[in-house]
């Protein structure tokens, strides 16, 4: 857990914008690419736990994973556990509320992509 928190703080510190953005609680549609470039889709549910932190649960391709997340300026980062591996994703919060991210998993090469779009 300390590794996840350290990664989140580092990622959030490296990605700061001039204007603070907001991430809203709710259900998001997920569209992404795996480390091998293959596509995936599903949903993510974000639940706010404070002004800067939240919990997130992804349901993609028959797999569910849970994580902790935080918002800092226009960077939104999440750490999660997938099986025996730790994952990290860093999103840029766009003006329209879309979360545009890149992710990786410990012990794996490369990065995947992921876009979260909030359902109305």
PDB file of N, CA and C in Angstrom:
ATOM      1  N   UNK A   1       0.830  -1.190   0.000  1.00  0.00           N
ATOM      2  CA  UNK A   1       0.000   0.000   0.000  1.00  0.00           C
ATOM      3  C   UNK A   1       0.872   1.249   0.000  1.00  0.00           C
ATOM      4  N   UNK A   2       2.022   1.212   0.692  1.00  0.00           N
ATOM      5  CA  UNK A   2       2.911   2.373   0.710  1.00  0.00           C
ATOM      6  C   UNK A   2       3.435   2.675  -0.686  1.00  0.00           C
ATOM      7  N   UNK A   3       3.701   1.622  -1.471  1.00  0.00           N
ATOM      8  CA  UNK A   3       4.183   1.809  -2.835  1.00  0.00           C
ATOM      9  C   UNK A   3       3.116   2.493  -3.671  1.00  0.00           C
ATOM     10  N   UNK A   4       1.870   2.078  -3.538  1.00  0.00           N
ATOM     11  CA  UNK A   4       0.773   2.680  -4.296  1.00  0.00           C
ATOM     12  C   UNK A   4       0.650   4.148  -3.946  1.00  0.00           C
ATOM     13  N   UNK A   5       0.648   4.462  -2.645  1.00  0.00           N
ATOM     14  CA  UNK A   5       0.497   5.851  -2.207  1.00  0.00           C
ATOM     15  C   UNK A   5       1.640   6.712  -2.709  1.00  0.00           C
ATOM     16  N   UNK A   6       2.869   6.194  -2.646  1.00  0.00           N
ATOM     17  CA  UNK A   6       4.018   6.949  -3.123  1.00  0.00           C
ATOM     18  C   UNK A   6       3.900   7.218  -4.619  1.00  0.00           C
ATOM     19  N   UNK A   7       3.456   6.221  -5.377  1.00  0.00           N
ATOM     20  CA  UNK A   7       3.267   6.397  -6.813  1.00  0.00           C
ATOM     21  C   UNK A   7       2.202   7.424  -7.125  1.00  0.00           C
ATOM     22  N   UNK A   8       1.119   7.397  -6.374  1.00  0.00           N
ATOM     23  CA  UNK A   8       0.042   8.364  -6.583  1.00  0.00           C
ATOM     24  C   UNK A   8       0.521   9.782  -6.320  1.00  0.00           C
ATOM     25  N   UNK A   9       1.239   9.964  -5.228  1.00  0.00           N
ATOM     26  CA  UNK A   9       1.728  11.297  -4.889  1.00  0.00           C
ATOM     27  C   UNK A   9       2.727  11.797  -5.921  1.00  0.00           C
ATOM     28  N   UNK A  10       3.603  10.923  -6.380  1.00  0.00           N
ATOM     29  CA  UNK A  10       4.576  11.303  -7.402  1.00  0.00           C
ATOM     30  C   UNK A  10       3.873  11.663  -8.701  1.00  0.00           C
ATOM     31  N   UNK A  11       2.931  10.823  -9.133  1.00  0.00           N
ATOM     32  CA  UNK A  11       2.216  11.084 -10.388  1.00  0.00           C
ATOM     33  C   UNK A  11       1.434  12.381 -10.310  1.00  0.00           C
ATOM     34  N   UNK A  12       0.770  12.623  -9.216  1.00  0.00           N
ATOM     35  CA  UNK A  12      -0.017  13.847  -9.071  1.00  0.00           C
ATOM     36  C   UNK A  12       0.889  15.069  -9.038  1.00  0.00           C
ATOM     37  N   UNK A  13       2.034  14.965  -8.423  1.00  0.00           N
ATOM     38  CA  UNK A  13       2.955  16.091  -8.356  1.00  0.00           C
ATOM     39  C   UNK A  13       3.571  16.425  -9.700  1.00  0.00           C
ATOM     40  N   UNK A  14       3.762  15.420 -10.559  1.00  0.00           N
ATOM     41  CA  UNK A  14       4.349  15.648 -11.866  1.00  0.00           C
ATOM     42  C   UNK A  14       3.370  16.238 -12.865  1.00  0.00           C
ATOM     43  N   UNK A  15       2.085  16.091 -12.619  1.00  0.00           N
ATOM     44  CA  UNK A  15       1.059  16.522 -13.573  1.00  0.00           C
ATOM     45  C   UNK A  15       0.169  17.576 -12.937  1.00  0.00           C
ATOM     46  N   UNK A  16       0.582  18.811 -12.969  1.00  0.00           N
ATOM     47  CA  UNK A  16      -0.275  19.844 -12.404  1.00  0.00           C
ATOM     48  C   UNK A  16      -0.623  20.863 -13.470  1.00  0.00           C
ATOM     49  N   UNK A  17      -1.820  21.396 -13.375  1.00  0.00           N
ATOM     50  CA  UNK A  17      -2.284  22.381 -14.346  1.00  0.00           C
ATOM     51  C   UNK A  17      -2.529  23.706 -13.675  1.00  0.00           C
ATOM     52  N   UNK A  18      -2.824  24.705 -14.472  1.00  0.00           N
ATOM     53  CA  UNK A  18      -3.033  26.042 -13.932  1.00  0.00           C
ATOM     54  C   UNK A  18      -4.356  26.169 -13.202  1.00  0.00           C
ATOM     55  N   UNK A  19      -5.388  25.491 -13.703  1.00  0.00           N
ATOM     56  CA  UNK A  19      -6.713  25.612 -13.091  1.00  0.00           C
ATOM     57  C   UNK A  19      -7.139  24.274 -12.506  1.00  0.00           C
ATOM     58  N   UNK A  20      -7.720  24.314 -11.343  1.00  0.00           N
ATOM     59  CA  UNK A  20      -8.182  23.082 -10.699  1.00  0.00           C
ATOM     60  C   UNK A  20      -9.373  22.518 -11.473  1.00  0.00           C
ATOM     61  N   UNK A  21      -9.401  21.215 -11.626  1.00  0.00           N
ATOM     62  CA  UNK A  21     -10.485  20.524 -12.310  1.00  0.00           C
ATOM     63  C   UNK A  21     -11.293  19.753 -11.274  1.00  0.00           C
ATOM     64  N   UNK A  22     -12.411  19.232 -11.712  1.00  0.00           N
ATOM     65  CA  UNK A  22     -13.258  18.464 -10.821  1.00  0.00           C
ATOM     66  C   UNK A  22     -13.548  17.111 -11.433  1.00  0.00           C
ATOM     67  N   UNK A  23     -13.513  16.085 -10.609  1.00  0.00           N
ATOM     68  CA  UNK A  23     -13.961  14.760 -10.997  1.00  0.00           C
ATOM     69  C   UNK A  23     -15.233  14.499 -10.219  1.00  0.00           C
ATOM     70  N   UNK A  24     -16.276  14.127 -10.934  1.00  0.00           N
ATOM     71  CA  UNK A  24     -17.571  13.910 -10.300  1.00  0.00           C
ATOM     72  C   UNK A  24     -17.776  12.446  -9.978  1.00  0.00           C
ATOM     73  N   UNK A  25     -18.437  12.211  -8.871  1.00  0.00           N
ATOM     74  CA  UNK A  25     -18.816  10.880  -8.438  1.00  0.00           C
ATOM     75  C   UNK A  25     -19.818  10.309  -9.445  1.00  0.00           C
ATOM     76  N   UNK A  26     -19.771   8.993  -9.664  1.00  0.00           N
ATOM     77  CA  UNK A  26     -20.755   8.375 -10.535  1.00  0.00           C
ATOM     78  C   UNK A  26     -20.186   7.231 -11.342  1.00  0.00           C
ATOM     79  N   UNK A  27     -20.966   6.801 -12.337  1.00  0.00           N
ATOM     80  CA  UNK A  27     -20.589   5.699 -13.217  1.00  0.00           C
ATOM     81  C   UNK A  27     -20.034   6.257 -14.518  1.00  0.00           C
ATOM     82  N   UNK A  28     -18.920   5.691 -14.957  1.00  0.00           N
ATOM     83  CA  UNK A  28     -18.238   6.112 -16.167  1.00  0.00           C
ATOM     84  C   UNK A  28     -18.139   4.944 -17.146  1.00  0.00           C
ATOM     85  N   UNK A  29     -18.265   5.237 -18.437  1.00  0.00           N
ATOM     86  CA  UNK A  29     -17.977   4.255 -19.470  1.00  0.00           C
ATOM     87  C   UNK A  29     -16.473   4.220 -19.667  1.00  0.00           C
ATOM     88  N   UNK A  30     -15.937   3.006 -19.811  1.00  0.00           N
ATOM     89  CA  UNK A  30     -14.504   2.802 -19.961  1.00  0.00           C
ATOM     90  C   UNK A  30     -14.214   2.330 -21.381  1.00  0.00           C
ATOM     91  N   UNK A  31     -13.237   2.948 -22.039  1.00  0.00           N
ATOM     92  CA  UNK A  31     -12.716   2.494 -23.327  1.00  0.00           C
ATOM     93  C   UNK A  31     -11.201   2.546 -23.232  1.00  0.00           C
ATOM     94  N   UNK A  32     -10.549   1.402 -23.450  1.00  0.00           N
ATOM     95  CA  UNK A  32      -9.105   1.391 -23.288  1.00  0.00           C
ATOM     96  C   UNK A  32      -8.405   0.421 -24.200  1.00  0.00           C
ATOM     97  N   UNK A  33      -7.074   0.442 -24.089  1.00  0.00           N
ATOM     98  CA  UNK A  33      -6.247  -0.527 -24.793  1.00  0.00           C
ATOM     99  C   UNK A  33      -5.357  -1.221 -23.766  1.00  0.00           C
ATOM    100  N   UNK A  34      -5.215  -2.532 -23.935  1.00  0.00           N
ATOM    101  CA  UNK A  34      -4.345  -3.330 -23.083  1.00  0.00           C
ATOM    102  C   UNK A  34      -2.881  -3.080 -23.448  1.00  0.00           C
ATOM    103  N   UNK A  35      -1.977  -3.660 -22.675  1.00  0.00           N
ATOM    104  CA  UNK A  35      -0.547  -3.487 -22.922  1.00  0.00           C
ATOM    105  C   UNK A  35      -0.147  -3.980 -24.315  1.00  0.00           C
ATOM    106  N   UNK A  36      -0.869  -4.964 -24.842  1.00  0.00           N
ATOM    107  CA  UNK A  36      -0.578  -5.486 -26.187  1.00  0.00           C
ATOM    108  C   UNK A  36      -1.301  -4.721 -27.295  1.00  0.00           C
ATOM    109  N   UNK A  37      -2.053  -3.669 -26.928  1.00  0.00           N
ATOM    110  CA  UNK A  37      -2.757  -2.859 -27.911  1.00  0.00           C
ATOM    111  C   UNK A  37      -4.184  -3.286 -28.195  1.00  0.00           C
ATOM    112  N   UNK A  38      -4.605  -4.427 -27.658  1.00  0.00           N
ATOM    113  CA  UNK A  38      -5.981  -4.885 -27.887  1.00  0.00           C
ATOM    114  C   UNK A  38      -6.957  -4.016 -27.089  1.00  0.00           C
ATOM    115  N   UNK A  39      -8.155  -3.800 -27.630  1.00  0.00           N
ATOM    116  CA  UNK A  39      -9.125  -2.917 -26.962  1.00  0.00           C
ATOM    117  C   UNK A  39      -9.896  -3.620 -25.847  1.00  0.00           C
ATOM    118  N   UNK A  40     -10.386  -2.850 -24.907  1.00  0.00           N
ATOM    119  CA  UNK A  40     -11.310  -3.352 -23.891  1.00  0.00           C
ATOM    120  C   UNK A  40     -12.295  -2.246 -23.557  1.00  0.00           C
ATOM    121  N   UNK A  41     -13.400  -2.628 -22.934  1.00  0.00           N
ATOM    122  CA  UNK A  41     -14.390  -1.651 -22.493  1.00  0.00           C
ATOM    123  C   UNK A  41     -15.083  -2.167 -21.251  1.00  0.00           C
ATOM    124  N   UNK A  42     -15.830  -1.300 -20.606  1.00  0.00           N
ATOM    125  CA  UNK A  42     -16.545  -1.669 -19.400  1.00  0.00           C
ATOM    126  C   UNK A  42     -17.057  -0.438 -18.687  1.00  0.00           C
ATOM    127  N   UNK A  43     -17.095  -0.513 -17.363  1.00  0.00           N
ATOM    128  CA  UNK A  43     -17.551   0.617 -16.558  1.00  0.00           C
ATOM    129  C   UNK A  43     -16.602   0.823 -15.382  1.00  0.00           C
ATOM    130  N   UNK A  44     -16.650   2.029 -14.843  1.00  0.00           N
ATOM    131  CA  UNK A  44     -15.925   2.361 -13.617  1.00  0.00           C
ATOM    132  C   UNK A  44     -16.868   3.185 -12.751  1.00  0.00           C
ATOM    133  N   UNK A  45     -16.846   2.916 -11.455  1.00  0.00           N
ATOM    134  CA  UNK A  45     -17.666   3.676 -10.510  1.00  0.00           C
ATOM    135  C   UNK A  45     -16.724   4.415  -9.573  1.00  0.00           C
ATOM    136  N   UNK A  46     -16.867   5.738  -9.529  1.00  0.00           N
ATOM    137  CA  UNK A  46     -16.048   6.577  -8.658  1.00  0.00           C
ATOM    138  C   UNK A  46     -16.919   7.058  -7.510  1.00  0.00           C
ATOM    139  N   UNK A  47     -16.433   6.843  -6.284  1.00  0.00           N
ATOM    140  CA  UNK A  47     -17.122   7.310  -5.076  1.00  0.00           C
ATOM    141  C   UNK A  47     -16.183   8.235  -4.330  1.00  0.00           C
ATOM    142  N   UNK A  48     -16.587   9.485  -4.130  1.00  0.00           N
ATOM    143  CA  UNK A  48     -15.748  10.460  -3.443  1.00  0.00           C
ATOM    144  C   UNK A  48     -15.685  10.133  -1.954  1.00  0.00           C
ATOM    145  N   UNK A  49     -14.478  10.215  -1.381  1.00  0.00           N
ATOM    146  CA  UNK A  49     -14.293   9.969   0.045  1.00  0.00           C
ATOM    147  C   UNK A  49     -13.823  11.220   0.786  1.00  0.00           C
ATOM    148  N   UNK A  50     -13.383  12.249   0.032  1.00  0.00           N
ATOM    149  CA  UNK A  50     -13.030  13.557   0.576  1.00  0.00           C
ATOM    150  C   UNK A  50     -12.983  14.522  -0.600  1.00  0.00           C
ATOM    151  N   UNK A  51     -12.500  15.740  -0.379  1.00  0.00           N
ATOM    152  CA  UNK A  51     -12.401  16.707  -1.472  1.00  0.00           C
ATOM    153  C   UNK A  51     -11.338  16.329  -2.493  1.00  0.00           C
ATOM    154  N   UNK A  52     -10.371  15.509  -2.091  1.00  0.00           N
ATOM    155  CA  UNK A  52      -9.278  15.151  -2.999  1.00  0.00           C
ATOM    156  C   UNK A  52      -9.094  13.651  -3.197  1.00  0.00           C
ATOM    157  N   UNK A  53      -9.811  12.826  -2.453  1.00  0.00           N
ATOM    158  CA  UNK A  53      -9.624  11.379  -2.579  1.00  0.00           C
ATOM    159  C   UNK A  53     -10.937  10.673  -2.894  1.00  0.00           C
ATOM    160  N   UNK A  54     -10.793   9.449  -3.419  1.00  0.00           N
ATOM    161  CA  UNK A  54     -11.977   8.672  -3.786  1.00  0.00           C
ATOM    162  C   UNK A  54     -11.618   7.194  -3.847  1.00  0.00           C
ATOM    163  N   UNK A  55     -12.643   6.392  -4.026  1.00  0.00           N
ATOM    164  CA  UNK A  55     -12.444   4.983  -4.340  1.00  0.00           C
ATOM    165  C   UNK A  55     -12.970   4.773  -5.749  1.00  0.00           C
ATOM    166  N   UNK A  56     -12.408   3.796  -6.438  1.00  0.00           N
ATOM    167  CA  UNK A  56     -12.808   3.504  -7.810  1.00  0.00           C
ATOM    168  C   UNK A  56     -12.877   1.997  -7.998  1.00  0.00           C
ATOM    169  N   UNK A  57     -13.888   1.559  -8.739  1.00  0.00           N
ATOM    170  CA  UNK A  57     -14.031   0.133  -9.054  1.00  0.00           C
ATOM    171  C   UNK A  57     -14.276  -0.004 -10.548  1.00  0.00           C
ATOM    172  N   UNK A  58     -13.407  -0.762 -11.208  1.00  0.00           N
ATOM    173  CA  UNK A  58     -13.535  -1.021 -12.637  1.00  0.00           C
ATOM    174  C   UNK A  58     -14.158  -2.395 -12.852  1.00  0.00           C
ATOM    175  N   UNK A  59     -15.022  -2.507 -13.837  1.00  0.00           N
ATOM    176  CA  UNK A  59     -15.547  -3.785 -14.314  1.00  0.00           C
ATOM    177  C   UNK A  59     -15.289  -3.809 -15.815  1.00  0.00           C
ATOM    178  N   UNK A  60     -14.270  -4.586 -16.209  1.00  0.00           N
ATOM    179  CA  UNK A  60     -13.891  -4.652 -17.619  1.00  0.00           C
ATOM    180  C   UNK A  60     -13.576  -6.094 -17.984  1.00  0.00           C
ATOM    181  N   UNK A  61     -14.100  -6.536 -19.117  1.00  0.00           N
ATOM    182  CA  UNK A  61     -13.769  -7.869 -19.624  1.00  0.00           C
ATOM    183  C   UNK A  61     -13.965  -8.996 -18.632  1.00  0.00           C
ATOM    184  N   UNK A  62     -14.992  -8.937 -17.800  1.00  0.00           N
ATOM    185  CA  UNK A  62     -15.240  -9.989 -16.826  1.00  0.00           C
ATOM    186  C   UNK A  62     -14.372  -9.906 -15.583  1.00  0.00           C
ATOM    187  N   UNK A  63     -13.565  -8.866 -15.463  1.00  0.00           N
ATOM    188  CA  UNK A  63     -12.683  -8.675 -14.313  1.00  0.00           C
ATOM    189  C   UNK A  63     -13.118  -7.434 -13.543  1.00  0.00           C
ATOM    190  N   UNK A  64     -13.077  -7.541 -12.211  1.00  0.00           N
ATOM    191  CA  UNK A  64     -13.368  -6.388 -11.360  1.00  0.00           C
ATOM    192  C   UNK A  64     -12.131  -6.087 -10.532  1.00  0.00           C
ATOM    193  N   UNK A  65     -11.760  -4.805 -10.465  1.00  0.00           N
ATOM    194  CA  UNK A  65     -10.646  -4.395  -9.607  1.00  0.00           C
ATOM    195  C   UNK A  65     -11.034  -3.118  -8.893  1.00  0.00           C
ATOM    196  N   UNK A  66     -10.464  -2.951  -7.710  1.00  0.00           N
ATOM    197  CA  UNK A  66     -10.780  -1.795  -6.874  1.00  0.00           C
ATOM    198  C   UNK A  66      -9.506  -1.036  -6.560  1.00  0.00           C
ATOM    199  N   UNK A  67      -9.659   0.286  -6.392  1.00  0.00           N
ATOM    200  CA  UNK A  67      -8.490   1.088  -6.089  1.00  0.00           C
ATOM    201  C   UNK A  67      -8.823   2.334  -5.307  1.00  0.00           C
ATOM    202  N   UNK A  68      -7.764   3.043  -4.979  1.00  0.00           N
ATOM    203  CA  UNK A  68      -7.856   4.333  -4.316  1.00  0.00           C
ATOM    204  C   UNK A  68      -7.415   5.378  -5.332  1.00  0.00           C
ATOM    205  N   UNK A  69      -8.031   6.551  -5.274  1.00  0.00           N
ATOM    206  CA  UNK A  69      -7.691   7.578  -6.249  1.00  0.00           C
ATOM    207  C   UNK A  69      -7.609   8.946  -5.583  1.00  0.00           C
ATOM    208  N   UNK A  70      -6.957   9.870  -6.301  1.00  0.00           N
ATOM    209  CA  UNK A  70      -6.862  11.227  -5.792  1.00  0.00           C
ATOM    210  C   UNK A  70      -6.811  12.206  -6.950  1.00  0.00           C
ATOM    211  N   UNK A  71      -7.242  13.432  -6.677  1.00  0.00           N
ATOM    212  CA  UNK A  71      -7.261  14.506  -7.658  1.00  0.00           C
ATOM    213  C   UNK A  71      -6.305  15.601  -7.202  1.00  0.00           C
ATOM    214  N   UNK A  72      -5.479  16.065  -8.132  1.00  0.00           N
ATOM    215  CA  UNK A  72      -4.592  17.200  -7.869  1.00  0.00           C
ATOM    216  C   UNK A  72      -4.538  18.030  -9.142  1.00  0.00           C
ATOM    217  N   UNK A  73      -5.102  19.238  -9.099  1.00  0.00           N
ATOM    218  CA  UNK A  73      -5.206  20.101 -10.276  1.00  0.00           C
ATOM    219  C   UNK A  73      -5.892  19.319 -11.401  1.00  0.00           C
ATOM    220  N   UNK A  74      -5.226  19.157 -12.554  1.00  0.00           N
ATOM    221  CA  UNK A  74      -5.866  18.426 -13.638  1.00  0.00           C
ATOM    222  C   UNK A  74      -5.349  16.993 -13.769  1.00  0.00           C
ATOM    223  N   UNK A  75      -4.691  16.504 -12.728  1.00  0.00           N
ATOM    224  CA  UNK A  75      -4.223  15.118 -12.700  1.00  0.00           C
ATOM    225  C   UNK A  75      -5.097  14.313 -11.750  1.00  0.00           C
ATOM    226  N   UNK A  76      -5.525  13.168 -12.220  1.00  0.00           N
ATOM    227  CA  UNK A  76      -6.337  12.258 -11.431  1.00  0.00           C
ATOM    228  C   UNK A  76      -5.630  10.922 -11.497  1.00  0.00           C
ATOM    229  N   UNK A  77      -5.163  10.414 -10.362  1.00  0.00           N
ATOM    230  CA  UNK A  77      -4.368   9.192 -10.327  1.00  0.00           C
ATOM    231  C   UNK A  77      -5.056   8.129  -9.487  1.00  0.00           C
ATOM    232  N   UNK A  78      -4.841   6.867  -9.874  1.00  0.00           N
ATOM    233  CA  UNK A  78      -5.419   5.758  -9.118  1.00  0.00           C
ATOM    234  C   UNK A  78      -4.415   4.619  -9.038  1.00  0.00           C
ATOM    235  N   UNK A  79      -4.361   3.998  -7.878  1.00  0.00           N
ATOM    236  CA  UNK A  79      -3.583   2.796  -7.678  1.00  0.00           C
ATOM    237  C   UNK A  79      -4.545   1.666  -7.411  1.00  0.00           C
ATOM    238  N   UNK A  80      -4.212   0.459  -7.879  1.00  0.00           N
ATOM    239  CA  UNK A  80      -5.114  -0.673  -7.726  1.00  0.00           C
ATOM    240  C   UNK A  80      -4.319  -1.971  -7.693  1.00  0.00           C
ATOM    241  N   UNK A  81      -4.966  -3.018  -7.272  1.00  0.00           N
ATOM    242  CA  UNK A  81      -4.363  -4.346  -7.259  1.00  0.00           C
ATOM    243  C   UNK A  81      -5.137  -5.212  -8.246  1.00  0.00           C
ATOM    244  N   UNK A  82      -4.416  -5.882  -9.137  1.00  0.00           N
ATOM    245  CA  UNK A  82      -5.004  -6.782 -10.116  1.00  0.00           C
ATOM    246  C   UNK A  82      -4.300  -8.119  -9.970  1.00  0.00           C
ATOM    247  N   UNK A  83      -4.982  -9.079  -9.333  1.00  0.00           N
ATOM    248  CA  UNK A  83      -4.338 -10.352  -9.021  1.00  0.00           C
ATOM    249  C   UNK A  83      -3.241 -10.123  -8.009  1.00  0.00           C
ATOM    250  N   UNK A  84      -2.022 -10.532  -8.358  1.00  0.00           N
ATOM    251  CA  UNK A  84      -0.878 -10.354  -7.464  1.00  0.00           C
ATOM    252  C   UNK A  84      -0.067  -9.109  -7.803  1.00  0.00           C
ATOM    253  N   UNK A  85      -0.524  -8.323  -8.778  1.00  0.00           N
ATOM    254  CA  UNK A  85       0.245  -7.159  -9.246  1.00  0.00           C
ATOM    255  C   UNK A  85      -0.405  -5.842  -8.843  1.00  0.00           C
ATOM    256  N   UNK A  86       0.440  -4.829  -8.703  1.00  0.00           N
ATOM    257  CA  UNK A  86      -0.015  -3.478  -8.405  1.00  0.00           C
ATOM    258  C   UNK A  86      -0.057  -2.693  -9.708  1.00  0.00           C
ATOM    259  N   UNK A  87      -1.129  -1.924  -9.896  1.00  0.00           N
ATOM    260  CA  UNK A  87      -1.260  -1.104 -11.096  1.00  0.00           C
ATOM    261  C   UNK A  87      -1.351   0.363 -10.743  1.00  0.00           C
ATOM    262  N   UNK A  88      -1.003   1.207 -11.700  1.00  0.00           N
ATOM    263  CA  UNK A  88      -1.069   2.653 -11.528  1.00  0.00           C
ATOM    264  C   UNK A  88      -1.605   3.262 -12.814  1.00  0.00           C
ATOM    265  N   UNK A  89      -2.564   4.176 -12.680  1.00  0.00           N
ATOM    266  CA  UNK A  89      -3.094   4.901 -13.822  1.00  0.00           C
ATOM    267  C   UNK A  89      -3.130   6.384 -13.494  1.00  0.00           C
ATOM    268  N   UNK A  90      -2.736   7.198 -14.471  1.00  0.00           N
ATOM    269  CA  UNK A  90      -2.758   8.650 -14.325  1.00  0.00           C
ATOM    270  C   UNK A  90      -3.608   9.202 -15.464  1.00  0.00           C
ATOM    271  N   UNK A  91      -4.660   9.929 -15.088  1.00  0.00           N
ATOM    272  CA  UNK A  91      -5.566  10.539 -16.059  1.00  0.00           C
ATOM    273  C   UNK A  91      -5.341  12.042 -16.096  1.00  0.00           C
ATOM    274  N   UNK A  92      -5.554  12.633 -17.260  1.00  0.00           N
ATOM    275  CA  UNK A  92      -5.679  14.084 -17.371  1.00  0.00           C
ATOM    276  C   UNK A  92      -7.167  14.387 -17.376  1.00  0.00           C
ATOM    277  N   UNK A  93      -7.590  15.315 -16.515  1.00  0.00           N
ATOM    278  CA  UNK A  93      -8.995  15.703 -16.461  1.00  0.00           C
ATOM    279  C   UNK A  93      -9.215  16.775 -17.522  1.00  0.00           C
ATOM    280  N   UNK A  94     -10.003  16.450 -18.519  1.00  0.00           N
ATOM    281  CA  UNK A  94     -10.295  17.388 -19.608  1.00  0.00           C
ATOM    282  C   UNK A  94     -11.385  18.370 -19.179  1.00  0.00           C
ATOM    283  N   UNK A  95     -11.486  19.500 -19.880  1.00  0.00           N
ATOM    284  CA  UNK A  95     -12.481  20.524 -19.555  1.00  0.00           C
ATOM    285  C   UNK A  95     -13.913  19.992 -19.572  1.00  0.00           C
ATOM    286  N   UNK A  96     -14.185  18.987 -20.417  1.00  0.00           N
ATOM    287  CA  UNK A  96     -15.528  18.422 -20.512  1.00  0.00           C
ATOM    288  C   UNK A  96     -15.783  17.307 -19.490  1.00  0.00           C
ATOM    289  N   UNK A  97     -14.824  17.079 -18.572  1.00  0.00           N
ATOM    290  CA  UNK A  97     -14.988  16.072 -17.537  1.00  0.00           C
ATOM    291  C   UNK A  97     -14.510  14.682 -17.916  1.00  0.00           C
ATOM    292  N   UNK A  98     -14.090  14.495 -19.168  1.00  0.00           N
ATOM    293  CA  UNK A  98     -13.556  13.212 -19.607  1.00  0.00           C
ATOM    294  C   UNK A  98     -12.192  13.002 -18.957  1.00  0.00           C
ATOM    295  N   UNK A  99     -11.916  11.769 -18.533  1.00  0.00           N
ATOM    296  CA  UNK A  99     -10.634  11.404 -17.941  1.00  0.00           C
ATOM    297  C   UNK A  99      -9.842  10.624 -18.982  1.00  0.00           C
ATOM    298  N   UNK A 100      -8.689  11.145 -19.394  1.00  0.00           N
ATOM    299  CA  UNK A 100      -7.875  10.561 -20.450  1.00  0.00           C
ATOM    300  C   UNK A 100      -6.589  10.056 -19.821  1.00  0.00           C
ATOM    301  N   UNK A 101      -6.403   8.719 -19.780  1.00  0.00           N
ATOM    302  CA  UNK A 101      -5.310   8.183 -18.993  1.00  0.00           C
ATOM    303  C   UNK A 101      -4.381   7.197 -19.670  1.00  0.00           C
ATOM    304  N   UNK A 102      -3.270   6.951 -18.976  1.00  0.00           N
ATOM    305  CA  UNK A 102      -2.318   5.896 -19.317  1.00  0.00           C
ATOM    306  C   UNK A 102      -2.071   5.087 -18.058  1.00  0.00           C
ATOM    307  N   UNK A 103      -1.836   3.765 -18.237  1.00  0.00           N
ATOM    308  CA  UNK A 103      -1.681   2.901 -17.076  1.00  0.00           C
ATOM    309  C   UNK A 103      -0.605   1.857 -17.320  1.00  0.00           C
ATOM    310  N   UNK A 104      -0.155   1.273 -16.227  1.00  0.00           N
ATOM    311  CA  UNK A 104       0.794   0.173 -16.285  1.00  0.00           C
ATOM    312  C   UNK A 104       0.569  -0.747 -15.091  1.00  0.00           C
ATOM    313  N   UNK A 105       1.175  -1.908 -15.153  1.00  0.00           N
ATOM    314  CA  UNK A 105       1.094  -2.897 -14.072  1.00  0.00           C
ATOM    315  C   UNK A 105       2.514  -3.302 -13.709  1.00  0.00           C
ATOM    316  N   UNK A 106       2.782  -3.450 -12.413  1.00  0.00           N
ATOM    317  CA  UNK A 106       4.129  -3.809 -11.964  1.00  0.00           C
ATOM    318  C   UNK A 106       4.598  -5.103 -12.646  1.00  0.00           C
ATOM    319  N   UNK A 107       5.854  -5.097 -13.056  1.00  0.00           N
ATOM    320  CA  UNK A 107       6.442  -6.275 -13.670  1.00  0.00           C
ATOM    321  C   UNK A 107       6.129  -6.452 -15.141  1.00  0.00           C
ATOM    322  N   UNK A 108       5.376  -5.523 -15.735  1.00  0.00           N
ATOM    323  CA  UNK A 108       5.009  -5.616 -17.154  1.00  0.00           C
ATOM    324  C   UNK A 108       5.663  -4.476 -17.926  1.00  0.00           C
ATOM    325  N   UNK A 109       5.972  -4.728 -19.191  1.00  0.00           N
ATOM    326  CA  UNK A 109       6.515  -3.677 -20.052  1.00  0.00           C
ATOM    327  C   UNK A 109       5.384  -2.919 -20.718  1.00  0.00           C
ATOM    328  N   UNK A 110       5.625  -1.657 -20.998  1.00  0.00           N
ATOM    329  CA  UNK A 110       4.684  -0.855 -21.763  1.00  0.00           C
ATOM    330  C   UNK A 110       3.624  -0.178 -20.931  1.00  0.00           C
ATOM    331  N   UNK A 111       2.692   0.427 -21.661  1.00  0.00           N
ATOM    332  CA  UNK A 111       1.586   1.144 -21.023  1.00  0.00           C
ATOM    333  C   UNK A 111       0.329   0.948 -21.856  1.00  0.00           C
ATOM    334  N   UNK A 112      -0.802   0.931 -21.173  1.00  0.00           N
ATOM    335  CA  UNK A 112      -2.097   0.896 -21.839  1.00  0.00           C
ATOM    336  C   UNK A 112      -2.714   2.278 -21.769  1.00  0.00           C
ATOM    337  N   UNK A 113      -3.835   2.440 -22.435  1.00  0.00           N
ATOM    338  CA  UNK A 113      -4.551   3.710 -22.394  1.00  0.00           C
ATOM    339  C   UNK A 113      -5.961   3.464 -21.874  1.00  0.00           C
ATOM    340  N   UNK A 114      -6.570   4.518 -21.343  1.00  0.00           N
ATOM    341  CA  UNK A 114      -7.943   4.386 -20.861  1.00  0.00           C
ATOM    342  C   UNK A 114      -8.611   5.746 -20.843  1.00  0.00           C
ATOM    343  N   UNK A 115      -9.854   5.783 -21.323  1.00  0.00           N
ATOM    344  CA  UNK A 115     -10.669   6.993 -21.301  1.00  0.00           C
ATOM    345  C   UNK A 115     -11.938   6.691 -20.516  1.00  0.00           C
ATOM    346  N   UNK A 116     -12.243   7.530 -19.523  1.00  0.00           N
ATOM    347  CA  UNK A 116     -13.467   7.402 -18.743  1.00  0.00           C
ATOM    348  C   UNK A 116     -14.390   8.561 -19.108  1.00  0.00           C
ATOM    349  N   UNK A 117     -15.615   8.242 -19.481  1.00  0.00           N
ATOM    350  CA  UNK A 117     -16.613   9.234 -19.834  1.00  0.00           C
ATOM    351  C   UNK A 117     -17.812   9.045 -18.911  1.00  0.00           C
ATOM    352  N   UNK A 118     -18.145  10.070 -18.152  1.00  0.00           N
ATOM    353  CA  UNK A 118     -19.226   9.977 -17.154  1.00  0.00           C
ATOM    354  C   UNK A 118     -20.584   9.832 -17.822  1.00  0.00           C
ATOM    355  N   UNK A 119     -21.363   8.891 -17.313  1.00  0.00           N
ATOM    356  CA  UNK A 119     -22.741   8.719 -17.778  1.00  0.00           C
ATOM    357  C   UNK A 119     -23.605   9.804 -17.154  1.00  0.00           C
ATOM    358  N   UNK A 120     -24.584  10.274 -17.898  1.00  0.00           N
ATOM    359  CA  UNK A 120     -25.501  11.299 -17.378  1.00  0.00           C
ATOM    360  C   UNK A 120     -26.692  10.677 -16.700  1.00  0.00           C
TER     361      UNK A 120
END
